[in-house]
Amino acid sequence: METLRSLLSGAVAMASFTAALFFLRFWFGTRDRFFLLFAAAFAVYGACQLALGLAEGSDYEPLFYLPRLLTFGLIVLAVVGKNRSRAR
C-alpha cells in the first residue's frame, strides 16, 4: 500500500508541475498576474505532493497542510485580483 501511495503522489506531483508550466507559458505571453499566481500555486502543490511521496509519515501531519493552505490562498488571491481588475 505504501508503494501505491508513493506512486500516486508522484503522479499528482508530475501533473501539478505540468499545470504550473502550462500557466507559466501563458504568463510569459500575457504578463497577467493571474497566470503567475496559478503557476506558483501549482508549483507549491506539486512540491508538497513530491515531499509527501518521499516522506515516511502520513499525510495527516500538520506540516503537509501548510503548503496546501498556501496553494489555495494563492488561487483565491488570483481569482479575487482578477475580479477586482475587471470591476475598475
PDB file of N, CA and C in Angstrom:
ATOM      1  N   MET A   1       0.817  -1.189   0.000  1.00  0.00           N
ATOM      2  CA  MET A   1       0.000   0.000   0.000  1.00  0.00           C
ATOM      3  C   MET A   1       0.868   1.264   0.000  1.00  0.00           C
ATOM      4  N   GLU A   2       2.007   1.195   0.652  1.00  0.00           N
ATOM      5  CA  GLU A   2       2.924   2.336   0.697  1.00  0.00           C
ATOM      6  C   GLU A   2       3.458   2.669  -0.693  1.00  0.00           C
ATOM      7  N   THR A   3       3.719   1.645  -1.497  1.00  0.00           N
ATOM      8  CA  THR A   3       4.219   1.862  -2.850  1.00  0.00           C
ATOM      9  C   THR A   3       3.163   2.545  -3.720  1.00  0.00           C
ATOM     10  N   LEU A   4       1.923   2.148  -3.564  1.00  0.00           N
ATOM     11  CA  LEU A   4       0.843   2.758  -4.329  1.00  0.00           C
ATOM     12  C   LEU A   4       0.666   4.220  -3.942  1.00  0.00           C
ATOM     13  N   ARG A   5       0.767   4.523  -2.659  1.00  0.00           N
ATOM     14  CA  ARG A   5       0.649   5.906  -2.194  1.00  0.00           C
ATOM     15  C   ARG A   5       1.778   6.756  -2.763  1.00  0.00           C
ATOM     16  N   SER A   6       2.985   6.224  -2.782  1.00  0.00           N
ATOM     17  CA  SER A   6       4.115   6.954  -3.347  1.00  0.00           C
ATOM     18  C   SER A   6       3.952   7.160  -4.848  1.00  0.00           C
ATOM     19  N   LEU A   7       3.464   6.142  -5.531  1.00  0.00           N
ATOM     20  CA  LEU A   7       3.250   6.243  -6.973  1.00  0.00           C
ATOM     21  C   LEU A   7       2.200   7.293  -7.301  1.00  0.00           C
ATOM     22  N   LEU A   8       1.089   7.288  -6.580  1.00  0.00           N
ATOM     23  CA  LEU A   8       0.032   8.261  -6.829  1.00  0.00           C
ATOM     24  C   LEU A   8       0.463   9.677  -6.456  1.00  0.00           C
ATOM     25  N   SER A   9       1.232   9.825  -5.398  1.00  0.00           N
ATOM     26  CA  SER A   9       1.751  11.147  -5.042  1.00  0.00           C
ATOM     27  C   SER A   9       2.688  11.668  -6.117  1.00  0.00           C
ATOM     28  N   GLY A  10       3.494  10.786  -6.675  1.00  0.00           N
ATOM     29  CA  GLY A  10       4.377  11.184  -7.770  1.00  0.00           C
ATOM     30  C   GLY A  10       3.610  11.585  -9.012  1.00  0.00           C
ATOM     31  N   ALA A  11       2.527  10.876  -9.302  1.00  0.00           N
ATOM     32  CA  ALA A  11       1.710  11.216 -10.467  1.00  0.00           C
ATOM     33  C   ALA A  11       1.026  12.569 -10.281  1.00  0.00           C
ATOM     34  N   VAL A  12       0.523  12.832  -9.085  1.00  0.00           N
ATOM     35  CA  VAL A  12      -0.114  14.120  -8.815  1.00  0.00           C
ATOM     36  C   VAL A  12       0.921  15.242  -8.854  1.00  0.00           C
ATOM     37  N   ALA A  13       2.125  14.973  -8.344  1.00  0.00           N
ATOM     38  CA  ALA A  13       3.195  15.977  -8.397  1.00  0.00           C
ATOM     39  C   ALA A  13       3.566  16.290  -9.841  1.00  0.00           C
ATOM     40  N   MET A  14       3.679  15.270 -10.683  1.00  0.00           N
ATOM     41  CA  MET A  14       4.010  15.484 -12.093  1.00  0.00           C
ATOM     42  C   MET A  14       2.912  16.290 -12.788  1.00  0.00           C
ATOM     43  N   ALA A  15       1.658  15.964 -12.523  1.00  0.00           N
ATOM     44  CA  ALA A  15       0.549  16.697 -13.129  1.00  0.00           C
ATOM     45  C   ALA A  15       0.531  18.147 -12.639  1.00  0.00           C
ATOM     46  N   SER A  16       0.843  18.379 -11.376  1.00  0.00           N
ATOM     47  CA  SER A  16       0.868  19.738 -10.838  1.00  0.00           C
ATOM     48  C   SER A  16       1.988  20.559 -11.454  1.00  0.00           C
ATOM     49  N   PHE A  17       3.162  19.963 -11.605  1.00  0.00           N
ATOM     50  CA  PHE A  17       4.263  20.678 -12.241  1.00  0.00           C
ATOM     51  C   PHE A  17       3.971  20.961 -13.716  1.00  0.00           C
ATOM     52  N   THR A  18       3.280  20.050 -14.365  1.00  0.00           N
ATOM     53  CA  THR A  18       2.881  20.272 -15.759  1.00  0.00           C
ATOM     54  C   THR A  18       1.888  21.425 -15.853  1.00  0.00           C
ATOM     55  N   ALA A  19       0.936  21.479 -14.945  1.00  0.00           N
ATOM     56  CA  ALA A  19      -0.017  22.589 -14.919  1.00  0.00           C
ATOM     57  C   ALA A  19       0.694  23.905 -14.615  1.00  0.00           C
ATOM     58  N   ALA A  20       1.692  23.871 -13.732  1.00  0.00           N
ATOM     59  CA  ALA A  20       2.460  25.076 -13.421  1.00  0.00           C
ATOM     60  C   ALA A  20       3.184  25.584 -14.669  1.00  0.00           C
ATOM     61  N   LEU A  21       3.777  24.689 -15.427  1.00  0.00           N
ATOM     62  CA  LEU A  21       4.445  25.094 -16.666  1.00  0.00           C
ATOM     63  C   LEU A  21       3.446  25.622 -17.692  1.00  0.00           C
ATOM     64  N   PHE A  22       2.277  25.039 -17.738  1.00  0.00           N
ATOM     65  CA  PHE A  22       1.223  25.483 -18.643  1.00  0.00           C
ATOM     66  C   PHE A  22       0.823  26.929 -18.336  1.00  0.00           C
ATOM     67  N   PHE A  23       0.575  27.231 -17.049  1.00  0.00           N
ATOM     68  CA  PHE A  23       0.206  28.584 -16.665  1.00  0.00           C
ATOM     69  C   PHE A  23       1.383  29.556 -16.802  1.00  0.00           C
ATOM     70  N   LEU A  24       2.596  29.075 -16.590  1.00  0.00           N
ATOM     71  CA  LEU A  24       3.771  29.926 -16.762  1.00  0.00           C
ATOM     72  C   LEU A  24       3.941  30.331 -18.222  1.00  0.00           C
ATOM     73  N   ARG A  25       3.629  29.427 -19.135  1.00  0.00           N
ATOM     74  CA  ARG A  25       3.695  29.737 -20.563  1.00  0.00           C
ATOM     75  C   ARG A  25       2.713  30.856 -20.915  1.00  0.00           C
ATOM     76  N   PHE A  26       1.512  30.795 -20.360  1.00  0.00           N
ATOM     77  CA  PHE A  26       0.542  31.862 -20.608  1.00  0.00           C
ATOM     78  C   PHE A  26       0.971  33.169 -19.958  1.00  0.00           C
ATOM     79  N   TRP A  27       1.634  33.093 -18.803  1.00  0.00           N
ATOM     80  CA  TRP A  27       2.110  34.306 -18.156  1.00  0.00           C
ATOM     81  C   TRP A  27       3.176  34.985 -19.002  1.00  0.00           C
ATOM     82  N   PHE A  28       4.068  34.212 -19.614  1.00  0.00           N
ATOM     83  CA  PHE A  28       5.091  34.802 -20.477  1.00  0.00           C
ATOM     84  C   PHE A  28       4.467  35.520 -21.664  1.00  0.00           C
ATOM     85  N   GLY A  29       3.345  35.025 -22.148  1.00  0.00           N
ATOM     86  CA  GLY A  29       2.681  35.647 -23.287  1.00  0.00           C
ATOM     87  C   GLY A  29       1.873  36.877 -22.933  1.00  0.00           C
ATOM     88  N   THR A  30       1.241  36.874 -21.754  1.00  0.00           N
ATOM     89  CA  THR A  30       0.321  37.962 -21.407  1.00  0.00           C
ATOM     90  C   THR A  30       0.827  38.865 -20.295  1.00  0.00           C
ATOM     91  N   ARG A  31       1.733  38.382 -19.466  1.00  0.00           N
ATOM     92  CA  ARG A  31       2.205  39.092 -18.274  1.00  0.00           C
ATOM     93  C   ARG A  31       1.061  39.417 -17.314  1.00  0.00           C
ATOM     94  N   ASP A  32       0.041  38.565 -17.317  1.00  0.00           N
ATOM     95  CA  ASP A  32      -1.093  38.731 -16.418  1.00  0.00           C
ATOM     96  C   ASP A  32      -0.760  38.047 -15.090  1.00  0.00           C
ATOM     97  N   ARG A  33      -0.954  38.775 -13.997  1.00  0.00           N
ATOM     98  CA  ARG A  33      -0.622  38.274 -12.663  1.00  0.00           C
ATOM     99  C   ARG A  33      -1.420  37.010 -12.310  1.00  0.00           C
ATOM    100  N   PHE A  34      -2.609  36.869 -12.874  1.00  0.00           N
ATOM    101  CA  PHE A  34      -3.471  35.718 -12.636  1.00  0.00           C
ATOM    102  C   PHE A  34      -2.737  34.413 -12.983  1.00  0.00           C
ATOM    103  N   PHE A  35      -2.116  34.389 -14.149  1.00  0.00           N
ATOM    104  CA  PHE A  35      -1.415  33.178 -14.585  1.00  0.00           C
ATOM    105  C   PHE A  35      -0.170  32.906 -13.737  1.00  0.00           C
ATOM    106  N   LEU A  36       0.504  33.954 -13.314  1.00  0.00           N
ATOM    107  CA  LEU A  36       1.684  33.771 -12.467  1.00  0.00           C
ATOM    108  C   LEU A  36       1.298  33.186 -11.110  1.00  0.00           C
ATOM    109  N   LEU A  37       0.209  33.670 -10.531  1.00  0.00           N
ATOM    110  CA  LEU A  37      -0.227  33.136  -9.234  1.00  0.00           C
ATOM    111  C   LEU A  37      -0.697  31.688  -9.351  1.00  0.00           C
ATOM    112  N   PHE A  38      -1.365  31.367 -10.451  1.00  0.00           N
ATOM    113  CA  PHE A  38      -1.773  29.980 -10.640  1.00  0.00           C
ATOM    114  C   PHE A  38      -0.557  29.075 -10.848  1.00  0.00           C
ATOM    115  N   ALA A  39       0.443  29.551 -11.583  1.00  0.00           N
ATOM    116  CA  ALA A  39       1.664  28.765 -11.769  1.00  0.00           C
ATOM    117  C   ALA A  39       2.359  28.532 -10.430  1.00  0.00           C
ATOM    118  N   ALA A  40       2.426  29.558  -9.605  1.00  0.00           N
ATOM    119  CA  ALA A  40       3.043  29.414  -8.284  1.00  0.00           C
ATOM    120  C   ALA A  40       2.246  28.448  -7.409  1.00  0.00           C
ATOM    121  N   ALA A  41       0.924  28.536  -7.476  1.00  0.00           N
ATOM    122  CA  ALA A  41       0.084  27.647  -6.666  1.00  0.00           C
ATOM    123  C   ALA A  41       0.305  26.186  -7.052  1.00  0.00           C
ATOM    124  N   PHE A  42       0.317  25.899  -8.345  1.00  0.00           N
ATOM    125  CA  PHE A  42       0.524  24.519  -8.765  1.00  0.00           C
ATOM    126  C   PHE A  42       1.944  24.039  -8.485  1.00  0.00           C
ATOM    127  N   ALA A  43       2.922  24.925  -8.548  1.00  0.00           N
ATOM    128  CA  ALA A  43       4.297  24.532  -8.219  1.00  0.00           C
ATOM    129  C   ALA A  43       4.420  24.188  -6.736  1.00  0.00           C
ATOM    130  N   VAL A  44       3.787  24.984  -5.884  1.00  0.00           N
ATOM    131  CA  VAL A  44       3.811  24.695  -4.438  1.00  0.00           C
ATOM    132  C   VAL A  44       3.098  23.379  -4.151  1.00  0.00           C
ATOM    133  N   TYR A  45       1.955  23.159  -4.790  1.00  0.00           N
ATOM    134  CA  TYR A  45       1.216  21.926  -4.572  1.00  0.00           C
ATOM    135  C   TYR A  45       1.996  20.712  -5.084  1.00  0.00           C
ATOM    136  N   GLY A  46       2.678  20.867  -6.206  1.00  0.00           N
ATOM    137  CA  GLY A  46       3.500  19.782  -6.728  1.00  0.00           C
ATOM    138  C   GLY A  46       4.656  19.443  -5.801  1.00  0.00           C
ATOM    139  N   ALA A  47       5.284  20.481  -5.240  1.00  0.00           N
ATOM    140  CA  ALA A  47       6.369  20.253  -4.290  1.00  0.00           C
ATOM    141  C   ALA A  47       5.861  19.568  -3.029  1.00  0.00           C
ATOM    142  N   CYS A  48       4.668  19.950  -2.589  1.00  0.00           N
ATOM    143  CA  CYS A  48       4.059  19.310  -1.416  1.00  0.00           C
ATOM    144  C   CYS A  48       3.786  17.836  -1.690  1.00  0.00           C
ATOM    145  N   GLN A  49       3.241  17.531  -2.857  1.00  0.00           N
ATOM    146  CA  GLN A  49       2.952  16.132  -3.200  1.00  0.00           C
ATOM    147  C   GLN A  49       4.234  15.322  -3.363  1.00  0.00           C
ATOM    148  N   LEU A  50       5.277  15.950  -3.896  1.00  0.00           N
ATOM    149  CA  LEU A  50       6.559  15.262  -4.024  1.00  0.00           C
ATOM    150  C   LEU A  50       7.129  14.939  -2.651  1.00  0.00           C
ATOM    151  N   ALA A  51       7.070  15.904  -1.742  1.00  0.00           N
ATOM    152  CA  ALA A  51       7.540  15.665  -0.374  1.00  0.00           C
ATOM    153  C   ALA A  51       6.698  14.606   0.318  1.00  0.00           C
ATOM    154  N   LEU A  52       5.413  14.617   0.068  1.00  0.00           N
ATOM    155  CA  LEU A  52       4.519  13.626   0.657  1.00  0.00           C
ATOM    156  C   LEU A  52       4.839  12.224   0.150  1.00  0.00           C
ATOM    157  N   GLY A  53       5.163  12.110  -1.123  1.00  0.00           N
ATOM    158  CA  GLY A  53       5.513  10.804  -1.687  1.00  0.00           C
ATOM    159  C   GLY A  53       6.830  10.271  -1.160  1.00  0.00           C
ATOM    160  N   LEU A  54       7.740  11.171  -0.830  1.00  0.00           N
ATOM    161  CA  LEU A  54       9.047  10.756  -0.323  1.00  0.00           C
ATOM    162  C   LEU A  54       9.083  10.572   1.185  1.00  0.00           C
ATOM    163  N   ALA A  55       8.086  11.118   1.878  1.00  0.00           N
ATOM    164  CA  ALA A  55       8.067  11.070   3.344  1.00  0.00           C
ATOM    165  C   ALA A  55       7.623   9.700   3.839  1.00  0.00           C
ATOM    166  N   GLU A  56       8.061   9.399   5.010  1.00  0.00           N
ATOM    167  CA  GLU A  56       7.712   8.132   5.641  1.00  0.00           C
ATOM    168  C   GLU A  56       6.384   8.208   6.392  1.00  0.00           C
ATOM    169  N   GLY A  57       5.988   9.405   6.796  1.00  0.00           N
ATOM    170  CA  GLY A  57       4.813   9.563   7.638  1.00  0.00           C
ATOM    171  C   GLY A  57       3.513   9.598   6.867  1.00  0.00           C
ATOM    172  N   SER A  58       2.506  10.080   7.547  1.00  0.00           N
ATOM    173  CA  SER A  58       1.163  10.170   6.998  1.00  0.00           C
ATOM    174  C   SER A  58       0.919  11.568   6.442  1.00  0.00           C
ATOM    175  N   ASP A  59      -0.057  11.678   5.562  1.00  0.00           N
ATOM    176  CA  ASP A  59      -0.387  12.996   5.031  1.00  0.00           C
ATOM    177  C   ASP A  59      -1.281  13.782   5.980  1.00  0.00           C
ATOM    178  N   TYR A  60      -1.565  13.241   7.137  1.00  0.00           N
ATOM    179  CA  TYR A  60      -2.369  13.935   8.132  1.00  0.00           C
ATOM    180  C   TYR A  60      -1.520  14.784   9.068  1.00  0.00           C
ATOM    181  N   GLU A  61      -0.224  14.815   8.867  1.00  0.00           N
ATOM    182  CA  GLU A  61       0.639  15.632   9.712  1.00  0.00           C
ATOM    183  C   GLU A  61       0.444  17.100   9.370  1.00  0.00           C
ATOM    184  N   PRO A  62       0.485  17.982  10.366  1.00  0.00           N
ATOM    185  CA  PRO A  62       0.230  19.407  10.117  1.00  0.00           C
ATOM    186  C   PRO A  62       1.218  20.052   9.146  1.00  0.00           C
ATOM    187  N   LEU A  63       2.408  19.510   9.042  1.00  0.00           N
ATOM    188  CA  LEU A  63       3.406  20.082   8.146  1.00  0.00           C
ATOM    189  C   LEU A  63       2.941  20.059   6.695  1.00  0.00           C
ATOM    190  N   PHE A  64       2.155  19.072   6.323  1.00  0.00           N
ATOM    191  CA  PHE A  64       1.688  18.965   4.939  1.00  0.00           C
ATOM    192  C   PHE A  64       0.458  19.832   4.663  1.00  0.00           C
ATOM    193  N   TYR A  65      -0.153  20.384   5.701  1.00  0.00           N
ATOM    194  CA  TYR A  65      -1.303  21.256   5.486  1.00  0.00           C
ATOM    195  C   TYR A  65      -0.891  22.683   5.150  1.00  0.00           C
ATOM    196  N   LEU A  66       0.276  23.113   5.586  1.00  0.00           N
ATOM    197  CA  LEU A  66       0.711  24.476   5.329  1.00  0.00           C
ATOM    198  C   LEU A  66       0.916  24.766   3.840  1.00  0.00           C
ATOM    199  N   PRO A  67       1.595  23.911   3.075  1.00  0.00           N
ATOM    200  CA  PRO A  67       1.697  24.193   1.636  1.00  0.00           C
ATOM    201  C   PRO A  67       0.346  24.136   0.929  1.00  0.00           C
ATOM    202  N   ARG A  68      -0.531  23.275   1.382  1.00  0.00           N
ATOM    203  CA  ARG A  68      -1.875  23.225   0.787  1.00  0.00           C
ATOM    204  C   ARG A  68      -2.634  24.510   1.069  1.00  0.00           C
ATOM    205  N   LEU A  69      -2.502  25.024   2.282  1.00  0.00           N
ATOM    206  CA  LEU A  69      -3.133  26.285   2.629  1.00  0.00           C
ATOM    207  C   LEU A  69      -2.573  27.417   1.772  1.00  0.00           C
ATOM    208  N   LEU A  70      -1.274  27.428   1.571  1.00  0.00           N
ATOM    209  CA  LEU A  70      -0.649  28.424   0.708  1.00  0.00           C
ATOM    210  C   LEU A  70      -1.144  28.292  -0.729  1.00  0.00           C
ATOM    211  N   THR A  71      -1.281  27.069  -1.203  1.00  0.00           N
ATOM    212  CA  THR A  71      -1.771  26.825  -2.564  1.00  0.00           C
ATOM    213  C   THR A  71      -3.162  27.405  -2.762  1.00  0.00           C
ATOM    214  N   PHE A  72      -4.080  27.072  -1.878  1.00  0.00           N
ATOM    215  CA  PHE A  72      -5.443  27.559  -2.031  1.00  0.00           C
ATOM    216  C   PHE A  72      -5.536  29.055  -1.768  1.00  0.00           C
ATOM    217  N   GLY A  73      -4.677  29.583  -0.919  1.00  0.00           N
ATOM    218  CA  GLY A  73      -4.624  31.025  -0.714  1.00  0.00           C
ATOM    219  C   GLY A  73      -4.180  31.761  -1.974  1.00  0.00           C
ATOM    220  N   LEU A  74      -3.192  31.205  -2.681  1.00  0.00           N
ATOM    221  CA  LEU A  74      -2.746  31.814  -3.940  1.00  0.00           C
ATOM    222  C   LEU A  74      -3.838  31.777  -5.000  1.00  0.00           C
ATOM    223  N   ILE A  75      -4.588  30.694  -5.043  1.00  0.00           N
ATOM    224  CA  ILE A  75      -5.680  30.591  -6.020  1.00  0.00           C
ATOM    225  C   ILE A  75      -6.774  31.610  -5.700  1.00  0.00           C
ATOM    226  N   VAL A  76      -7.125  31.739  -4.430  1.00  0.00           N
ATOM    227  CA  VAL A  76      -8.137  32.721  -4.042  1.00  0.00           C
ATOM    228  C   VAL A  76      -7.640  34.137  -4.349  1.00  0.00           C
ATOM    229  N   LEU A  77      -6.371  34.413  -4.067  1.00  0.00           N
ATOM    230  CA  LEU A  77      -5.802  35.722  -4.356  1.00  0.00           C
ATOM    231  C   LEU A  77      -5.846  36.032  -5.852  1.00  0.00           C
ATOM    232  N   ALA A  78      -5.557  35.039  -6.675  1.00  0.00           N
ATOM    233  CA  ALA A  78      -5.586  35.232  -8.127  1.00  0.00           C
ATOM    234  C   ALA A  78      -6.996  35.530  -8.616  1.00  0.00           C
ATOM    235  N   VAL A  79      -7.976  34.790  -8.138  1.00  0.00           N
ATOM    236  CA  VAL A  79      -9.357  34.983  -8.587  1.00  0.00           C
ATOM    237  C   VAL A  79      -9.895  36.324  -8.105  1.00  0.00           C
ATOM    238  N   VAL A  80      -9.647  36.669  -6.848  1.00  0.00           N
ATOM    239  CA  VAL A  80     -10.127  37.946  -6.323  1.00  0.00           C
ATOM    240  C   VAL A  80      -9.441  39.102  -7.048  1.00  0.00           C
ATOM    241  N   GLY A  81      -8.146  38.986  -7.288  1.00  0.00           N
ATOM    242  CA  GLY A  81      -7.431  40.037  -8.008  1.00  0.00           C
ATOM    243  C   GLY A  81      -7.932  40.213  -9.429  1.00  0.00           C
ATOM    244  N   LYS A  82      -8.253  39.120 -10.091  1.00  0.00           N
ATOM    245  CA  LYS A  82      -8.771  39.199 -11.455  1.00  0.00           C
ATOM    246  C   LYS A  82     -10.154  39.841 -11.479  1.00  0.00           C
ATOM    247  N   ASN A  83     -10.997  39.516 -10.523  1.00  0.00           N
ATOM    248  CA  ASN A  83     -12.332  40.107 -10.471  1.00  0.00           C
ATOM    249  C   ASN A  83     -12.297  41.581 -10.089  1.00  0.00           C
ATOM    250  N   ARG A  84     -11.364  41.974  -9.268  1.00  0.00           N
ATOM    251  CA  ARG A  84     -11.243  43.397  -8.905  1.00  0.00           C
ATOM    252  C   ARG A  84     -10.749  44.218 -10.068  1.00  0.00           C
ATOM    253  N   SER A  85      -9.855  43.670 -10.871  1.00  0.00           N
ATOM    254  CA  SER A  85      -9.341  44.421 -12.006  1.00  0.00           C
ATOM    255  C   SER A  85     -10.414  44.619 -13.068  1.00  0.00           C
ATOM    256  N   ARG A  86     -11.346  43.695 -13.180  1.00  0.00           N
ATOM    257  CA  ARG A  86     -12.448  43.836 -14.137  1.00  0.00           C
ATOM    258  C   ARG A  86     -13.462  44.875 -13.669  1.00  0.00           C
ATOM    259  N   ALA A  87     -13.637  45.003 -12.355  1.00  0.00           N
ATOM    260  CA  ALA A  87     -14.627  45.925 -11.822  1.00  0.00           C
ATOM    261  C   ALA A  87     -14.196  47.382 -12.016  1.00  0.00           C
ATOM    262  N   ARG A  88     -12.922  47.625 -12.124  1.00  0.00           N
ATOM    263  CA  ARG A  88     -12.427  49.002 -12.266  1.00  0.00           C
ATOM    264  C   ARG A  88     -12.583  49.538 -13.629  1.00  0.00           C
TER     265      ARG A  88
END
